[in-house]
Amino acid sequence: MFDWNRSCSYDEQHKRRFHTTARSRLKKFAAELALPPHSFDLRSNKAGLAVSGEITLYHDRAYIQVGQFGLSSGHAILIRTCKGPQGLYRRGQPLRRAWHAR
């Protein structure tokens, strides 16, 4: 079982598992939403040694990002709307922020 509340900072093995697990969960979420396989893209940005980085599911109408974002209370899920691929740069309004507490 993966420990979502444990920090990825300075722990390469845990960070690798964080990215692998989050990618897997986002793929399952895309399947639950019935998104066609080629209608979304999953990307992983491992970033630097002191942070978790983020894993993002991009779709034409929204993107969903998982990361620890410097929070001592665990991880966060950010969901935002967008208008096509260019919308990723203009960023839409946040739909919801789900914070996972300890």
Foldseek 3Di string as FASTA:
>chain_A
DQDQLDFQAQPVVNLVVVQVVVQVVVVVVCVVVVPPPPQWDWDFDCDDRGFSGWIWIDGQFKMWIKTCVPDNFGIKIWIWTAHGPVRVVVTHDTPDIDDHGD
